[in-house]
C-alpha atoms as a PDB file:
ATOM      1  CA  MET A   1     171.429 152.520 191.558  1.00  0.00           C
ATOM      2  CA  PRO A   2     173.408 152.538 188.282  1.00  0.00           C
ATOM      3  CA  ALA A   3     176.770 154.303 188.103  1.00  0.00           C
ATOM      4  CA  PRO A   4     176.717 157.857 186.641  1.00  0.00           C
ATOM      5  CA  GLU A   5     178.434 156.634 183.458  1.00  0.00           C
ATOM      6  CA  GLU A   6     175.832 153.905 182.982  1.00  0.00           C
ATOM      7  CA  SER A   7     172.983 156.367 183.518  1.00  0.00           C
ATOM      8  CA  ALA A   8     174.477 158.630 180.852  1.00  0.00           C
ATOM      9  CA  ARG A   9     174.804 155.732 178.408  1.00  0.00           C
ATOM     10  CA  GLN A  10     171.178 154.743 178.948  1.00  0.00           C
ATOM     11  CA  LEU A  11     170.120 158.297 178.117  1.00  0.00           C
ATOM     12  CA  ILE A  12     172.343 158.230 175.025  1.00  0.00           C
ATOM     13  CA  ASP A  13     170.921 154.838 173.957  1.00  0.00           C
ATOM     14  CA  ASP A  14     167.396 156.221 174.283  1.00  0.00           C
ATOM     15  CA  GLY A  15     168.274 159.364 172.344  1.00  0.00           C
ATOM     16  CA  LEU A  16     169.883 157.412 169.519  1.00  0.00           C
ATOM     17  CA  SER A  17     166.876 155.120 169.266  1.00  0.00           C
ATOM     18  CA  LEU A  18     164.497 158.085 169.030  1.00  0.00           C
ATOM     19  CA  ALA A  19     166.612 159.497 166.190  1.00  0.00           C
ATOM     20  CA  GLY A  20     166.340 156.235 164.241  1.00  0.00           C
ATOM     21  CA  TRP A  21     169.576 154.461 165.181  1.00  0.00           C
ATOM     22  CA  ALA A  22     169.800 150.770 166.027  1.00  0.00           C
ATOM     23  CA  VAL A  23     171.989 150.508 169.144  1.00  0.00           C
ATOM     24  CA  GLN A  24     174.022 147.294 169.387  1.00  0.00           C
ATOM     25  CA  ASP A  25     176.658 145.716 171.606  1.00  0.00           C
ATOM     26  CA  VAL A  26     179.989 145.049 169.937  1.00  0.00           C
ATOM     27  CA  GLY A  27     179.578 141.288 170.333  1.00  0.00           C
ATOM     28  CA  GLU A  28     176.260 141.209 168.473  1.00  0.00           C
ATOM     29  CA  VAL A  29     176.844 143.553 165.544  1.00  0.00           C
ATOM     30  CA  ASN A  30     174.628 143.463 162.482  1.00  0.00           C
ATOM     31  CA  LEU A  31     175.452 146.496 160.350  1.00  0.00           C
ATOM     32  CA  LEU A  32     172.613 145.666 157.973  1.00  0.00           C
ATOM     33  CA  ALA A  33     169.954 145.826 160.694  1.00  0.00           C
ATOM     34  CA  ALA A  34     169.193 149.499 159.938  1.00  0.00           C
ATOM     35  CA  LYS A  35     170.450 152.423 157.907  1.00  0.00           C
ATOM     36  CA  GLY A  36     172.182 153.714 161.023  1.00  0.00           C
ATOM     37  CA  VAL A  37     173.799 151.435 163.606  1.00  0.00           C
ATOM     38  CA  ALA A  38     175.502 152.646 166.783  1.00  0.00           C
ATOM     39  CA  VAL A  39     177.955 150.091 168.192  1.00  0.00           C
ATOM     40  CA  ARG A  40     178.927 150.360 171.862  1.00  0.00           C
ATOM     41  CA  GLU A  41     182.500 149.881 173.175  1.00  0.00           C
ATOM     42  CA  PHE A  42     184.131 149.545 169.767  1.00  0.00           C
ATOM     43  CA  SER A  43     187.791 148.488 169.795  1.00  0.00           C
ATOM     44  CA  LEU A  44     190.124 150.872 167.945  1.00  0.00           C
ATOM     45  CA  LYS A  45     193.676 150.616 166.664  1.00  0.00           C
ATOM     46  CA  SER A  46     196.403 149.637 169.071  1.00  0.00           C
ATOM     47  CA  GLY A  47     197.062 152.477 171.494  1.00  0.00           C
ATOM     48  CA  TYR A  48     193.689 154.196 170.907  1.00  0.00           C
ATOM     49  CA  GLY A  49     191.577 152.141 173.306  1.00  0.00           C
ATOM     50  CA  PHE A  50     187.805 151.902 172.885  1.00  0.00           C
ATOM     51  CA  ALA A  51     185.269 154.331 171.478  1.00  0.00           C
ATOM     52  CA  ASP A  52     182.085 154.556 173.563  1.00  0.00           C
ATOM     53  CA  TYR A  53     180.054 154.417 170.337  1.00  0.00           C
ATOM     54  CA  VAL A  54     180.957 154.166 166.656  1.00  0.00           C
ATOM     55  CA  LEU A  55     178.242 155.263 164.241  1.00  0.00           C
ATOM     56  CA  PHE A  56     177.787 153.251 161.050  1.00  0.00           C
ATOM     57  CA  VAL A  57     175.697 154.639 158.180  1.00  0.00           C
ATOM     58  CA  ASP A  58     174.889 152.240 155.338  1.00  0.00           C
ATOM     59  CA  ALA A  59     177.324 149.759 156.967  1.00  0.00           C
ATOM     60  CA  GLN A  60     180.202 152.256 156.809  1.00  0.00           C
ATOM     61  CA  ALA A  61     181.764 153.982 159.818  1.00  0.00           C
ATOM     62  CA  SER A  62     180.964 157.686 159.863  1.00  0.00           C
ATOM     63  CA  GLY A  63     181.346 159.038 163.386  1.00  0.00           C
ATOM     64  CA  VAL A  64     181.931 158.495 167.084  1.00  0.00           C
ATOM     65  CA  ILE A  65     180.252 159.440 170.338  1.00  0.00           C
ATOM     66  CA  GLU A  66     182.274 160.114 173.454  1.00  0.00           C
ATOM     67  CA  ALA A  67     180.011 159.513 176.476  1.00  0.00           C
ATOM     68  CA  LYS A  68     180.544 161.315 179.779  1.00  0.00           C
ATOM     69  CA  LYS A  69     178.634 161.327 183.046  1.00  0.00           C
ATOM     70  CA  VAL A  70     175.962 163.964 183.573  1.00  0.00           C
ATOM     71  CA  GLY A  71     177.490 167.239 184.734  1.00  0.00           C
ATOM     72  CA  THR A  72     180.751 166.870 182.806  1.00  0.00           C
ATOM     73  CA  THR A  73     181.904 169.986 180.944  1.00  0.00           C
ATOM     74  CA  LEU A  74     181.906 168.846 177.325  1.00  0.00           C
ATOM     75  CA  THR A  75     183.807 171.701 175.689  1.00  0.00           C
ATOM     76  CA  GLY A  76     187.123 169.992 176.387  1.00  0.00           C
ATOM     77  CA  VAL A  77     186.036 166.536 175.225  1.00  0.00           C
ATOM     78  CA  GLU A  78     186.129 167.210 171.466  1.00  0.00           C
ATOM     79  CA  LEU A  79     189.841 166.394 171.229  1.00  0.00           C
ATOM     80  CA  GLN A  80     189.222 162.997 172.803  1.00  0.00           C
ATOM     81  CA  ALA A  81     186.453 162.246 170.295  1.00  0.00           C
ATOM     82  CA  ALA A  82     188.710 163.416 167.466  1.00  0.00           C
ATOM     83  CA  ARG A  83     191.442 161.044 168.610  1.00  0.00           C
ATOM     84  CA  TYR A  84     189.009 158.126 168.559  1.00  0.00           C
ATOM     85  CA  SER A  85     187.925 159.080 165.025  1.00  0.00           C
ATOM     86  CA  GLU A  86     191.568 158.939 163.963  1.00  0.00           C
ATOM     87  CA  GLY A  87     192.060 155.529 165.571  1.00  0.00           C
ATOM     88  CA  PHE A  88     189.323 153.727 163.683  1.00  0.00           C
ATOM     89  CA  PRO A  89     190.711 150.441 162.295  1.00  0.00           C
ATOM     90  CA  ASP A  90     191.745 150.359 158.620  1.00  0.00           C
ATOM     91  CA  SER A  91     190.112 146.961 158.172  1.00  0.00           C
ATOM     92  CA  PHE A  92     186.588 148.433 158.397  1.00  0.00           C
ATOM     93  CA  PRO A  93     185.009 150.489 155.603  1.00  0.00           C
ATOM     94  CA  ALA A  94     184.714 154.247 156.080  1.00  0.00           C
ATOM     95  CA  PRO A  95     183.925 156.797 153.344  1.00  0.00           C
ATOM     96  CA  VAL A  96     185.974 159.521 155.042  1.00  0.00           C
ATOM     97  CA  ARG A  97     188.977 159.197 157.325  1.00  0.00           C
ATOM     98  CA  PRO A  98     189.345 160.343 160.050  1.00  0.00           C
ATOM     99  CA  LEU A  99     185.669 159.764 160.782  1.00  0.00           C
ATOM    100  CA  PRO A 100     183.976 163.138 160.262  1.00  0.00           C
ATOM    101  CA  PHE A 101     181.050 163.273 162.700  1.00  0.00           C
ATOM    102  CA  LEU A 102     182.000 163.753 166.355  1.00  0.00           C
ATOM    103  CA  TYR A 103     179.553 163.847 169.256  1.00  0.00           C
ATOM    104  CA  GLN A 104     180.260 164.439 172.910  1.00  0.00           C
ATOM    105  CA  SER A 105     177.312 163.676 175.153  1.00  0.00           C
ATOM    106  CA  THR A 106     176.112 163.163 178.703  1.00  0.00           C
ATOM    107  CA  GLY A 107     172.654 162.189 177.499  1.00  0.00           C
ATOM    108  CA  MET A 108     171.367 165.457 178.966  1.00  0.00           C
ATOM    109  CA  GLU A 109     173.704 167.687 176.948  1.00  0.00           C
ATOM    110  CA  THR A 110     175.231 166.958 173.541  1.00  0.00           C
ATOM    111  CA  ARG A 111     177.825 168.746 171.442  1.00  0.00           C
ATOM    112  CA  PHE A 112     178.641 168.029 167.805  1.00  0.00           C
ATOM    113  CA  SER A 113     181.328 168.888 165.280  1.00  0.00           C
ATOM    114  CA  ASN A 114     181.446 168.146 161.561  1.00  0.00           C
ATOM    115  CA  ARG A 115     184.974 167.650 160.264  1.00  0.00           C
ATOM    116  CA  LEU A 116     183.731 168.134 156.714  1.00  0.00           C
ATOM    117  CA  ASP A 117     183.476 171.851 157.534  1.00  0.00           C
ATOM    118  CA  ALA A 118     186.382 174.037 156.500  1.00  0.00           C
ATOM    119  CA  GLU A 119     186.964 175.020 160.135  1.00  0.00           C
ATOM    120  CA  PRO A 120     185.198 172.437 162.331  1.00  0.00           C
ATOM    121  CA  ARG A 121     183.988 173.539 165.734  1.00  0.00           C
ATOM    122  CA  SER A 122     182.056 171.889 168.508  1.00  0.00           C
ATOM    123  CA  ARG A 123     178.572 173.286 169.014  1.00  0.00           C
ATOM    124  CA  ARG A 124     175.674 172.396 171.251  1.00  0.00           C
ATOM    125  CA  VAL A 125     172.781 170.489 169.666  1.00  0.00           C
ATOM    126  CA  PHE A 126     169.454 169.470 171.134  1.00  0.00           C
ATOM    127  CA  HIS A 127     169.652 165.864 169.980  1.00  0.00           C
ATOM    128  CA  PHE A 128     171.501 163.407 167.741  1.00  0.00           C
ATOM    129  CA  HIS A 129     171.040 163.680 163.981  1.00  0.00           C
ATOM    130  CA  ARG A 130     169.213 161.007 162.034  1.00  0.00           C
ATOM    131  CA  PRO A 131     171.262 158.492 160.005  1.00  0.00           C
ATOM    132  CA  GLU A 132     169.666 159.817 156.809  1.00  0.00           C
ATOM    133  CA  THR A 133     171.108 163.247 157.548  1.00  0.00           C
ATOM    134  CA  LEU A 134     174.663 161.988 158.000  1.00  0.00           C
ATOM    135  CA  SER A 135     174.264 159.936 154.816  1.00  0.00           C
ATOM    136  CA  ALA A 136     173.190 163.033 152.878  1.00  0.00           C
ATOM    137  CA  TRP A 137     176.146 165.012 154.195  1.00  0.00           C
ATOM    138  CA  LEU A 138     178.544 162.245 153.210  1.00  0.00           C
ATOM    139  CA  THR A 139     177.197 162.029 149.674  1.00  0.00           C
ATOM    140  CA  ALA A 140     176.863 165.770 149.075  1.00  0.00           C
ATOM    141  CA  THR A 141     178.916 166.995 146.149  1.00  0.00           C
ATOM    142  CA  PRO A 142     180.421 170.449 145.657  1.00  0.00           C
ATOM    143  CA  ARG A 143     177.864 172.737 144.060  1.00  0.00           C
ATOM    144  CA  VAL A 144     178.796 175.130 141.252  1.00  0.00           C
ATOM    145  CA  VAL A 145     177.488 178.640 141.833  1.00  0.00           C
ATOM    146  CA  PRO A 146     176.010 180.082 138.622  1.00  0.00           C
ATOM    147  CA  HIS A 147     177.779 183.057 137.148  1.00  0.00           C
ATOM    148  CA  LEU A 148     175.854 186.317 137.301  1.00  0.00           C
ATOM    149  CA  LYS A 149     176.144 188.610 134.317  1.00  0.00           C
ATOM    150  CA  GLY A 150     178.487 191.510 134.981  1.00  0.00           C
ATOM    151  CA  GLN A 151     179.849 189.977 138.179  1.00  0.00           C
ATOM    152  CA  PRO A 152     183.259 188.379 138.877  1.00  0.00           C
ATOM    153  CA  ASN A 153     183.523 184.641 138.365  1.00  0.00           C
ATOM    154  CA  PRO A 154     182.564 182.698 141.525  1.00  0.00           C
ATOM    155  CA  PRO A 155     184.681 179.881 142.958  1.00  0.00           C
ATOM    156  CA  ALA A 156     184.487 176.796 140.748  1.00  0.00           C
ATOM    157  CA  ALA A 157     183.250 174.428 143.444  1.00  0.00           C
ATOM    158  CA  PRO A 158     182.170 175.668 146.881  1.00  0.00           C
ATOM    159  CA  PRO A 159     182.513 173.206 149.774  1.00  0.00           C
ATOM    160  CA  SER A 160     179.722 170.674 150.207  1.00  0.00           C
ATOM    161  CA  THR A 161     178.655 171.635 153.750  1.00  0.00           C
ATOM    162  CA  LEU A 162     176.221 174.437 154.495  1.00  0.00           C
ATOM    163  CA  ARG A 163     178.818 176.299 156.526  1.00  0.00           C
ATOM    164  CA  GLY A 164     181.249 175.994 153.640  1.00  0.00           C
ATOM    165  CA  ARG A 165     178.704 177.242 151.131  1.00  0.00           C
ATOM    166  CA  LEU A 166     177.948 180.248 153.342  1.00  0.00           C
ATOM    167  CA  ARG A 167     181.515 181.347 152.655  1.00  0.00           C
ATOM    168  CA  SER A 168     181.054 181.111 148.902  1.00  0.00           C
ATOM    169  CA  LEU A 169     177.979 183.208 148.171  1.00  0.00           C
ATOM    170  CA  PRO A 170     178.129 185.192 144.917  1.00  0.00           C
ATOM    171  CA  PRO A 171     178.122 189.016 144.952  1.00  0.00           C
ATOM    172  CA  LEU A 172     174.896 190.641 146.069  1.00  0.00           C
ATOM    173  CA  VAL A 173     172.681 192.111 143.350  1.00  0.00           C
ATOM    174  CA  THR A 174     171.907 195.539 144.831  1.00  0.00           C
ATOM    175  CA  GLU A 175     169.370 196.718 142.279  1.00  0.00           C
ATOM    176  CA  GLY A 176     166.091 197.493 144.067  1.00  0.00           C
ATOM    177  CA  LEU A 177     167.649 197.486 147.532  1.00  0.00           C
ATOM    178  CA  TRP A 178     167.773 200.501 149.802  1.00  0.00           C
ATOM    179  CA  ALA A 179     171.138 201.302 151.385  1.00  0.00           C
ATOM    180  CA  ALA A 180     170.022 200.008 154.792  1.00  0.00           C
ATOM    181  CA  GLN A 181     168.760 196.761 153.278  1.00  0.00           C
ATOM    182  CA  GLU A 182     171.976 196.218 151.347  1.00  0.00           C
ATOM    183  CA  ARG A 183     174.045 196.866 154.468  1.00  0.00           C
ATOM    184  CA  ALA A 184     171.918 194.468 156.529  1.00  0.00           C
ATOM    185  CA  ILE A 185     172.205 191.597 154.023  1.00  0.00           C
ATOM    186  CA  ARG A 186     175.946 192.057 153.572  1.00  0.00           C
ATOM    187  CA  SER A 187     176.515 192.197 157.329  1.00  0.00           C
ATOM    188  CA  LEU A 188     174.405 189.080 157.903  1.00  0.00           C
ATOM    189  CA  GLU A 189     176.348 187.140 155.277  1.00  0.00           C
ATOM    190  CA  VAL A 190     179.664 188.273 156.753  1.00  0.00           C
ATOM    191  CA  SER A 191     178.474 187.030 160.146  1.00  0.00           C
ATOM    192  CA  LEU A 192     177.355 183.668 158.767  1.00  0.00           C
ATOM    193  CA  ALA A 193     180.566 183.232 156.790  1.00  0.00           C
ATOM    194  CA  ALA A 194     182.503 183.817 160.019  1.00  0.00           C
ATOM    195  CA  ASP A 195     180.545 180.923 161.577  1.00  0.00           C
ATOM    196  CA  ARG A 196     178.566 183.137 163.930  1.00  0.00           C
ATOM    197  CA  PRO A 197     175.158 181.429 163.772  1.00  0.00           C
ATOM    198  CA  ARG A 198     173.153 184.086 165.624  1.00  0.00           C
ATOM    199  CA  ALA A 199     172.571 187.565 164.247  1.00  0.00           C
ATOM    200  CA  LEU A 200     170.194 190.469 164.868  1.00  0.00           C
ATOM    201  CA  ILE A 201     169.046 192.807 162.099  1.00  0.00           C
ATOM    202  CA  GLN A 202     167.722 196.006 163.661  1.00  0.00           C
ATOM    203  CA  MET A 203     165.907 198.333 161.273  1.00  0.00           C
ATOM    204  CA  ALA A 204     163.433 201.176 161.715  1.00  0.00           C
ATOM    205  CA  THR A 205     159.710 200.762 161.131  1.00  0.00           C
ATOM    206  CA  GLY A 206     158.910 201.054 157.436  1.00  0.00           C
ATOM    207  CA  SER A 207     162.459 200.302 156.304  1.00  0.00           C
ATOM    208  CA  GLY A 208     161.536 196.975 154.700  1.00  0.00           C
ATOM    209  CA  LYS A 209     162.631 194.410 157.275  1.00  0.00           C
ATOM    210  CA  THR A 210     160.564 191.585 155.777  1.00  0.00           C
ATOM    211  CA  PHE A 211     161.750 192.410 152.253  1.00  0.00           C
ATOM    212  CA  THR A 212     165.325 192.334 153.556  1.00  0.00           C
ATOM    213  CA  ALA A 213     164.731 188.955 155.219  1.00  0.00           C
ATOM    214  CA  ILE A 214     163.221 187.485 152.042  1.00  0.00           C
ATOM    215  CA  SER A 215     166.137 188.813 149.966  1.00  0.00           C
ATOM    216  CA  SER A 216     168.523 187.061 152.316  1.00  0.00           C
ATOM    217  CA  ILE A 217     166.463 183.860 152.397  1.00  0.00           C
ATOM    218  CA  TYR A 218     166.425 183.751 148.598  1.00  0.00           C
ATOM    219  CA  ARG A 219     170.220 183.863 148.513  1.00  0.00           C
ATOM    220  CA  LEU A 220     170.530 181.219 151.230  1.00  0.00           C
ATOM    221  CA  VAL A 221     168.163 178.859 149.417  1.00  0.00           C
ATOM    222  CA  LYS A 222     169.526 179.382 145.913  1.00  0.00           C
ATOM    223  CA  PHE A 223     173.242 179.796 146.485  1.00  0.00           C
ATOM    224  CA  ALA A 224     173.885 178.108 149.863  1.00  0.00           C
ATOM    225  CA  ASP A 225     171.356 175.350 149.126  1.00  0.00           C
ATOM    226  CA  ALA A 226     169.613 175.734 152.499  1.00  0.00           C
ATOM    227  CA  ARG A 227     167.141 172.846 152.403  1.00  0.00           C
ATOM    228  CA  ARG A 228     164.410 174.479 154.487  1.00  0.00           C
ATOM    229  CA  VAL A 229     164.092 177.861 156.194  1.00  0.00           C
ATOM    230  CA  LEU A 230     161.755 178.580 159.106  1.00  0.00           C
ATOM    231  CA  PHE A 231     160.199 182.064 159.146  1.00  0.00           C
ATOM    232  CA  LEU A 232     158.872 182.465 162.668  1.00  0.00           C
ATOM    233  CA  VAL A 233     156.359 185.111 163.801  1.00  0.00           C
ATOM    234  CA  ASP A 234     154.556 185.716 167.075  1.00  0.00           C
ATOM    235  CA  ARG A 235     151.040 186.319 165.734  1.00  0.00           C
ATOM    236  CA  GLY A 236     148.911 185.227 162.830  1.00  0.00           C
ATOM    237  CA  ASN A 237     148.602 188.522 160.956  1.00  0.00           C
ATOM    238  CA  LEU A 238     152.400 188.806 160.651  1.00  0.00           C
ATOM    239  CA  GLY A 239     152.458 185.333 159.106  1.00  0.00           C
ATOM    240  CA  ARG A 240     149.823 186.294 156.551  1.00  0.00           C
ATOM    241  CA  GLN A 241     151.701 189.488 155.688  1.00  0.00           C
ATOM    242  CA  ALA A 242     154.966 187.601 155.290  1.00  0.00           C
ATOM    243  CA  PHE A 243     153.364 185.030 152.983  1.00  0.00           C
ATOM    244  CA  LYS A 244     152.026 187.816 150.747  1.00  0.00           C
ATOM    245  CA  GLU A 245     155.476 189.388 150.578  1.00  0.00           C
ATOM    246  CA  PHE A 246     157.016 186.079 149.521  1.00  0.00           C
ATOM    247  CA  GLN A 247     154.365 185.835 146.795  1.00  0.00           C
ATOM    248  CA  GLN A 248     155.116 189.373 145.597  1.00  0.00           C
ATOM    249  CA  TYR A 249     158.912 189.184 145.818  1.00  0.00           C
ATOM    250  CA  ALA A 250     160.532 189.349 142.365  1.00  0.00           C
ATOM    251  CA  THR A 251     163.927 187.641 142.400  1.00  0.00           C
ATOM    252  CA  PRO A 252     166.657 190.090 141.320  1.00  0.00           C
ATOM    253  CA  ASP A 253     168.639 187.734 139.079  1.00  0.00           C
ATOM    254  CA  ASP A 254     165.777 185.688 137.623  1.00  0.00           C
ATOM    255  CA  GLY A 255     162.795 187.999 137.576  1.00  0.00           C
ATOM    256  CA  ARG A 256     160.268 185.365 138.586  1.00  0.00           C
ATOM    257  CA  LYS A 257     158.435 185.484 141.890  1.00  0.00           C
ATOM    258  CA  PHE A 258     159.914 183.658 144.855  1.00  0.00           C
ATOM    259  CA  THR A 259     156.899 181.334 145.052  1.00  0.00           C
ATOM    260  CA  GLU A 260     157.259 180.471 141.362  1.00  0.00           C
ATOM    261  CA  LEU A 261     160.714 179.081 142.063  1.00  0.00           C
ATOM    262  CA  TYR A 262     160.342 177.596 145.557  1.00  0.00           C
ATOM    263  CA  ASN A 263     157.482 176.203 147.614  1.00  0.00           C
ATOM    264  CA  VAL A 264     156.528 178.424 150.547  1.00  0.00           C
ATOM    265  CA  GLN A 265     154.177 176.971 153.155  1.00  0.00           C
ATOM    266  CA  HIS A 266     152.132 179.175 155.453  1.00  0.00           C
ATOM    267  CA  LEU A 267     151.299 176.682 158.174  1.00  0.00           C
ATOM    268  CA  LYS A 268     147.598 176.486 158.967  1.00  0.00           C
ATOM    269  CA  SER A 269     147.776 172.955 160.312  1.00  0.00           C
ATOM    270  CA  ASN A 270     150.356 171.003 162.299  1.00  0.00           C
ATOM    271  CA  ARG A 271     151.756 169.219 159.245  1.00  0.00           C
ATOM    272  CA  LEU A 272     154.891 170.277 157.399  1.00  0.00           C
ATOM    273  CA  ASP A 273     154.967 170.142 153.603  1.00  0.00           C
ATOM    274  CA  PRO A 274     157.966 167.878 152.857  1.00  0.00           C
ATOM    275  CA  VAL A 275     158.880 169.839 149.716  1.00  0.00           C
ATOM    276  CA  ALA A 276     158.518 173.353 151.156  1.00  0.00           C
ATOM    277  CA  ARG A 277     161.753 175.331 151.131  1.00  0.00           C
ATOM    278  CA  VAL A 278     160.297 178.010 153.427  1.00  0.00           C
ATOM    279  CA  CYS A 279     157.791 177.453 156.249  1.00  0.00           C
ATOM    280  CA  ILE A 280     156.009 180.400 157.874  1.00  0.00           C
ATOM    281  CA  THR A 281     154.464 179.781 161.277  1.00  0.00           C
ATOM    282  CA  THR A 282     153.735 181.320 164.637  1.00  0.00           C
ATOM    283  CA  ILE A 283     155.709 180.378 167.701  1.00  0.00           C
ATOM    284  CA  GLN A 284     152.434 179.118 169.178  1.00  0.00           C
ATOM    285  CA  ARG A 285     151.894 176.611 166.366  1.00  0.00           C
ATOM    286  CA  LEU A 286     155.530 175.523 166.312  1.00  0.00           C
ATOM    287  CA  TYR A 287     155.423 174.766 170.031  1.00  0.00           C
ATOM    288  CA  SER A 288     152.174 172.864 169.526  1.00  0.00           C
ATOM    289  CA  MET A 289     153.832 170.798 166.784  1.00  0.00           C
ATOM    290  CA  LEU A 290     156.902 170.068 168.897  1.00  0.00           C
ATOM    291  CA  ARG A 291     154.614 168.820 171.674  1.00  0.00           C
ATOM    292  CA  GLY A 292     153.001 166.441 169.194  1.00  0.00           C
ATOM    293  CA  ASP A 293     149.545 168.064 169.263  1.00  0.00           C
ATOM    294  CA  PRO A 294     147.395 166.993 166.291  1.00  0.00           C
ATOM    295  CA  ASP A 295     146.382 170.615 165.637  1.00  0.00           C
ATOM    296  CA  LEU A 296     146.078 174.094 167.176  1.00  0.00           C
ATOM    297  CA  ASP A 297     143.057 176.345 167.557  1.00  0.00           C
ATOM    298  CA  PRO A 298     143.798 179.173 165.045  1.00  0.00           C
ATOM    299  CA  THR A 299     142.431 181.803 167.454  1.00  0.00           C
ATOM    300  CA  LEU A 300     145.431 181.132 169.710  1.00  0.00           C
ATOM    301  CA  GLU A 301     147.698 182.512 166.991  1.00  0.00           C
ATOM    302  CA  GLU A 302     146.022 185.884 166.689  1.00  0.00           C
ATOM    303  CA  GLY A 303     147.347 187.546 169.821  1.00  0.00           C
ATOM    304  CA  SER A 304     151.001 188.401 170.346  1.00  0.00           C
ATOM    305  CA  GLN A 305     152.578 186.613 173.279  1.00  0.00           C
ATOM    306  CA  PHE A 306     154.236 189.928 174.143  1.00  0.00           C
ATOM    307  CA  ASP A 307     150.889 191.745 174.273  1.00  0.00           C
ATOM    308  CA  THR A 308     149.351 189.094 176.527  1.00  0.00           C
ATOM    309  CA  GLY A 309     152.119 189.416 179.100  1.00  0.00           C
ATOM    310  CA  ALA A 310     153.860 186.153 178.254  1.00  0.00           C
ATOM    311  CA  GLY A 311     157.087 188.120 178.056  1.00  0.00           C
ATOM    312  CA  LEU A 312     157.112 188.047 181.826  1.00  0.00           C
ATOM    313  CA  ILE A 313     157.707 184.282 181.830  1.00  0.00           C
ATOM    314  CA  SER A 314     161.162 183.684 183.290  1.00  0.00           C
ATOM    315  CA  GLU A 315     161.628 179.950 182.840  1.00  0.00           C
ATOM    316  CA  PRO A 316     162.616 178.199 179.586  1.00  0.00           C
ATOM    317  CA  VAL A 317     159.705 176.725 177.675  1.00  0.00           C
ATOM    318  CA  PRO A 318     160.013 172.921 178.054  1.00  0.00           C
ATOM    319  CA  VAL A 319     160.616 171.143 174.762  1.00  0.00           C
ATOM    320  CA  VAL A 320     161.297 167.450 174.235  1.00  0.00           C
ATOM    321  CA  TYR A 321     162.604 165.782 171.091  1.00  0.00           C
ATOM    322  CA  ASN A 322     159.909 165.013 168.548  1.00  0.00           C
ATOM    323  CA  PRO A 323     161.070 162.428 165.959  1.00  0.00           C
ATOM    324  CA  SER A 324     158.568 163.872 163.486  1.00  0.00           C
ATOM    325  CA  ILE A 325     160.408 167.206 163.604  1.00  0.00           C
ATOM    326  CA  PRO A 326     164.073 166.244 164.098  1.00  0.00           C
ATOM    327  CA  ILE A 327     166.737 168.841 164.755  1.00  0.00           C
ATOM    328  CA  GLU A 328     167.776 168.911 161.086  1.00  0.00           C
ATOM    329  CA  THR A 329     164.298 169.937 159.891  1.00  0.00           C
ATOM    330  CA  PHE A 330     165.362 173.566 159.381  1.00  0.00           C
ATOM    331  CA  ASP A 331     168.769 174.763 158.251  1.00  0.00           C
ATOM    332  CA  VAL A 332     168.077 178.426 159.034  1.00  0.00           C
ATOM    333  CA  ILE A 333     165.587 180.173 161.322  1.00  0.00           C
ATOM    334  CA  PHE A 334     164.447 183.764 160.749  1.00  0.00           C
ATOM    335  CA  THR A 335     162.439 185.430 163.517  1.00  0.00           C
ATOM    336  CA  ASP A 336     160.242 188.412 162.719  1.00  0.00           C
ATOM    337  CA  GLU A 337     159.629 191.030 165.395  1.00  0.00           C
ATOM    338  CA  CYS A 338     162.029 189.969 168.167  1.00  0.00           C
ATOM    339  CA  HIS A 339     159.840 190.831 171.144  1.00  0.00           C
ATOM    340  CA  PRO A 340     160.714 189.353 174.570  1.00  0.00           C
ATOM    341  CA  THR A 341     158.147 186.589 174.067  1.00  0.00           C
ATOM    342  CA  PRO A 342     158.474 182.910 175.010  1.00  0.00           C
ATOM    343  CA  LEU A 343     160.558 182.730 171.832  1.00  0.00           C
ATOM    344  CA  THR A 344     163.433 184.300 173.754  1.00  0.00           C
ATOM    345  CA  LEU A 345     163.228 181.384 176.168  1.00  0.00           C
ATOM    346  CA  PHE A 346     163.916 178.878 173.394  1.00  0.00           C
ATOM    347  CA  ARG A 347     167.629 178.519 173.875  1.00  0.00           C
ATOM    348  CA  GLU A 348     169.671 177.178 170.956  1.00  0.00           C
ATOM    349  CA  ALA A 349     169.308 173.721 172.438  1.00  0.00           C
ATOM    350  CA  ASN A 350     165.529 174.073 172.298  1.00  0.00           C
ATOM    351  CA  LYS A 351     165.326 175.374 168.746  1.00  0.00           C
ATOM    352  CA  LYS A 352     166.365 172.297 166.853  1.00  0.00           C
ATOM    353  CA  PRO A 353     168.005 172.403 165.182  1.00  0.00           C
END
């Protein structure tokens, strides 16, 4: 029976391979073998020892993985990974030093921190990111927020990470918003800027919850450059209603409809539109897609999981990593009608992203 550390490394090897990394031993390195190469047992500067894995993207070092046996508490391991990122040898190319992308993993549980963020923090992720994602983060440039007429000048160049850009949103255009909607959007943006990734907007029936969500999504897409937003519902008629509201939504600073500016996909098959900035789907179809089903019977989307008694389910819905829908597929997830459905059983680790 393999040692616990070896079992963890086998799980990590498998996870990296699924995410598109070529895993290599340090004695047989070929950094041109793939866009992303993970090198085991990489020797660091004198006094720093060995990194369990060093991640190379486009033949340049970009991150490290600190491997621990299954059952290890990972919240205290980030400092060790950070030390390894600081000890990477000067003789090897690296676009950013210390190396910015830090993973701590047992193979069963993985935590990640991005040192390109203004205030990096370790957070739990469901899987490793793809090499293409780390490459995009490394090459992202600061984005200039357009100046809105009659509003104070925005910062000249917001940070290049999503979390940084969430701190640099321009003032909210309040024309056309009810007081409750304005308060909800402002409070959500304060929460996101404070790096609190989960938020609940609670509004009365008829107060324009979907309109409020679309107003917020528009700002996240335009000003925070969220690449893709998932709008999740628990039954088909809510998805159809949401799609109509996106089509009817007039942007406050531009005047054109949301769907004239950005592609919005209302999923009726199990295939994502690669250029859609917003995807609307039921939890039933999303789960079907994550399982790798070729399609879903549309009648299964018509009933609410809450109405059918699925809210009584007490165990987490099992989800495995699907390379076709990697964890970075959606930057932001909005959930309409937060009933105690199986959706509540998708822990953060099961959502992704």
